[in-house]
Amino acid sequence: MSLGFGEIVIILFAALIVFGPKKLPELGRTAGLTLREFKKALNSESDKDRTNHK
């Protein structure tokens, strides 16, 4: 499932209405950090699995 340009614009517009323009950059930064940590944890687990199977 991929999002097109129209869907992204609607989501951003809804977030702007709900959270306000001053809160959006902070929310985006927090979401980015959360995703980065999640990916790092997934990669760490897959690396452990690879070394345990050898």
N, C-alpha and C. Protein backbone atom coordinates (compact mmCIF):
# COMPACT_ATOMS: atom_id res chain seq x y z
N MET A 1 0.85 -1.17 0.00
CA MET A 1 0.00 0.00 0.00
C MET A 1 0.89 1.24 0.00
N SER A 2 0.75 2.04 -1.00
CA SER A 2 1.55 3.25 -1.06
C SER A 2 0.62 4.46 -1.07
N LEU A 3 1.14 5.55 -0.56
CA LEU A 3 0.37 6.78 -0.52
C LEU A 3 0.74 7.65 -1.70
N GLY A 4 -0.26 8.20 -2.33
CA GLY A 4 -0.02 9.13 -3.42
C GLY A 4 0.12 10.54 -2.89
N PHE A 5 0.39 11.47 -3.78
CA PHE A 5 0.58 12.86 -3.39
C PHE A 5 -0.68 13.43 -2.74
N GLY A 6 -1.84 13.12 -3.29
CA GLY A 6 -3.11 13.63 -2.76
C GLY A 6 -3.37 13.17 -1.34
N GLU A 7 -3.10 11.91 -1.07
CA GLU A 7 -3.31 11.37 0.28
C GLU A 7 -2.38 12.02 1.29
N ILE A 8 -1.14 12.24 0.89
CA ILE A 8 -0.17 12.87 1.79
C ILE A 8 -0.59 14.30 2.10
N VAL A 9 -1.07 15.02 1.10
CA VAL A 9 -1.52 16.40 1.32
C VAL A 9 -2.69 16.43 2.29
N ILE A 10 -3.64 15.52 2.13
CA ILE A 10 -4.80 15.46 3.02
C ILE A 10 -4.37 15.15 4.45
N ILE A 11 -3.46 14.22 4.62
CA ILE A 11 -2.97 13.87 5.97
C ILE A 11 -2.26 15.05 6.60
N LEU A 12 -1.40 15.73 5.84
CA LEU A 12 -0.70 16.90 6.38
C LEU A 12 -1.67 18.02 6.74
N PHE A 13 -2.67 18.24 5.91
CA PHE A 13 -3.66 19.27 6.18
C PHE A 13 -4.44 18.95 7.45
N ALA A 14 -4.84 17.69 7.61
CA ALA A 14 -5.57 17.28 8.82
C ALA A 14 -4.68 17.44 10.06
N ALA A 15 -3.40 17.08 9.95
CA ALA A 15 -2.49 17.24 11.08
C ALA A 15 -2.31 18.71 11.43
N LEU A 16 -2.26 19.56 10.42
CA LEU A 16 -2.13 20.99 10.65
C LEU A 16 -3.33 21.53 11.40
N ILE A 17 -4.51 21.07 11.04
CA ILE A 17 -5.72 21.52 11.73
C ILE A 17 -5.76 21.00 13.17
N VAL A 18 -5.42 19.73 13.36
CA VAL A 18 -5.51 19.12 14.69
C VAL A 18 -4.44 19.64 15.63
N PHE A 19 -3.20 19.71 15.19
CA PHE A 19 -2.10 20.03 16.09
C PHE A 19 -1.64 21.49 16.03
N GLY A 20 -1.91 22.17 14.95
CA GLY A 20 -1.49 23.55 14.82
C GLY A 20 -0.11 23.66 14.21
N PRO A 21 0.20 24.81 13.64
CA PRO A 21 1.46 24.97 12.91
C PRO A 21 2.70 24.97 13.80
N LYS A 22 2.57 25.34 15.05
CA LYS A 22 3.76 25.39 15.92
C LYS A 22 4.17 24.02 16.43
N LYS A 23 3.23 23.10 16.49
CA LYS A 23 3.51 21.77 17.04
C LYS A 23 3.98 20.78 15.97
N LEU A 24 3.67 21.04 14.70
CA LEU A 24 4.00 20.08 13.64
C LEU A 24 5.48 19.77 13.50
N PRO A 25 6.39 20.75 13.51
CA PRO A 25 7.81 20.39 13.38
C PRO A 25 8.29 19.47 14.50
N GLU A 26 7.84 19.72 15.71
CA GLU A 26 8.22 18.87 16.84
C GLU A 26 7.68 17.45 16.66
N LEU A 27 6.44 17.34 16.21
CA LEU A 27 5.85 16.02 15.99
C LEU A 27 6.59 15.27 14.87
N GLY A 28 6.95 15.97 13.82
CA GLY A 28 7.69 15.34 12.73
C GLY A 28 9.05 14.85 13.17
N ARG A 29 9.73 15.66 13.96
CA ARG A 29 11.05 15.29 14.47
C ARG A 29 10.94 14.06 15.36
N THR A 30 9.93 14.05 16.23
CA THR A 30 9.74 12.91 17.13
C THR A 30 9.39 11.64 16.36
N ALA A 31 8.55 11.77 15.34
CA ALA A 31 8.19 10.61 14.53
C ALA A 31 9.41 10.08 13.79
N GLY A 32 10.24 10.96 13.27
CA GLY A 32 11.45 10.54 12.58
C GLY A 32 12.42 9.81 13.49
N LEU A 33 12.60 10.33 14.69
CA LEU A 33 13.49 9.67 15.65
C LEU A 33 12.96 8.30 16.05
N THR A 34 11.64 8.22 16.23
CA THR A 34 11.03 6.95 16.60
C THR A 34 11.22 5.92 15.50
N LEU A 35 10.98 6.31 14.26
CA LEU A 35 11.17 5.38 13.14
C LEU A 35 12.63 4.95 13.01
N ARG A 36 13.55 5.88 13.22
CA ARG A 36 14.98 5.56 13.13
C ARG A 36 15.37 4.53 14.19
N GLU A 37 14.89 4.73 15.41
CA GLU A 37 15.20 3.77 16.49
C GLU A 37 14.57 2.41 16.22
N PHE A 38 13.36 2.41 15.67
CA PHE A 38 12.68 1.16 15.35
C PHE A 38 13.46 0.39 14.29
N LYS A 39 13.90 1.08 13.24
CA LYS A 39 14.68 0.43 12.19
C LYS A 39 16.01 -0.09 12.74
N LYS A 40 16.63 0.69 13.62
CA LYS A 40 17.90 0.28 14.21
C LYS A 40 17.71 -1.00 15.03
N ALA A 41 16.61 -1.07 15.78
CA ALA A 41 16.34 -2.25 16.59
C ALA A 41 16.07 -3.47 15.70
N LEU A 42 15.32 -3.27 14.62
CA LEU A 42 15.05 -4.38 13.70
C LEU A 42 16.33 -4.89 13.06
N ASN A 43 17.19 -3.98 12.63
CA ASN A 43 18.46 -4.38 12.02
C ASN A 43 19.35 -5.09 13.02
N SER A 44 19.34 -4.64 14.25
CA SER A 44 20.14 -5.26 15.29
C SER A 44 19.68 -6.70 15.53
N GLU A 45 18.37 -6.90 15.58
CA GLU A 45 17.84 -8.25 15.79
C GLU A 45 18.16 -9.16 14.61
N SER A 46 18.05 -8.64 13.40
CA SER A 46 18.33 -9.49 12.24
C SER A 46 19.83 -9.83 12.17
N ASP A 47 20.68 -8.91 12.60
CA ASP A 47 22.12 -9.20 12.65
C ASP A 47 22.41 -10.30 13.67
N LYS A 48 21.73 -10.25 14.81
CA LYS A 48 21.91 -11.30 15.83
C LYS A 48 21.46 -12.65 15.30
N ASP A 49 20.33 -12.65 14.57
CA ASP A 49 19.84 -13.92 14.00
C ASP A 49 20.83 -14.49 13.00
N ARG A 50 21.42 -13.63 12.18
CA ARG A 50 22.38 -14.10 11.17
C ARG A 50 23.61 -14.71 11.82
N THR A 51 24.11 -14.10 12.89
CA THR A 51 25.32 -14.62 13.53
C THR A 51 25.02 -15.89 14.32
N ASN A 52 23.81 -16.05 14.81
CA ASN A 52 23.47 -17.25 15.57
C ASN A 52 23.26 -18.47 14.68
N HIS A 53 22.91 -18.24 13.41
CA HIS A 53 22.65 -19.36 12.52
C HIS A 53 23.90 -19.88 11.84
N LYS A 54 25.01 -19.22 11.96
CA LYS A 54 26.24 -19.66 11.27
C LYS A 54 26.95 -20.71 12.05
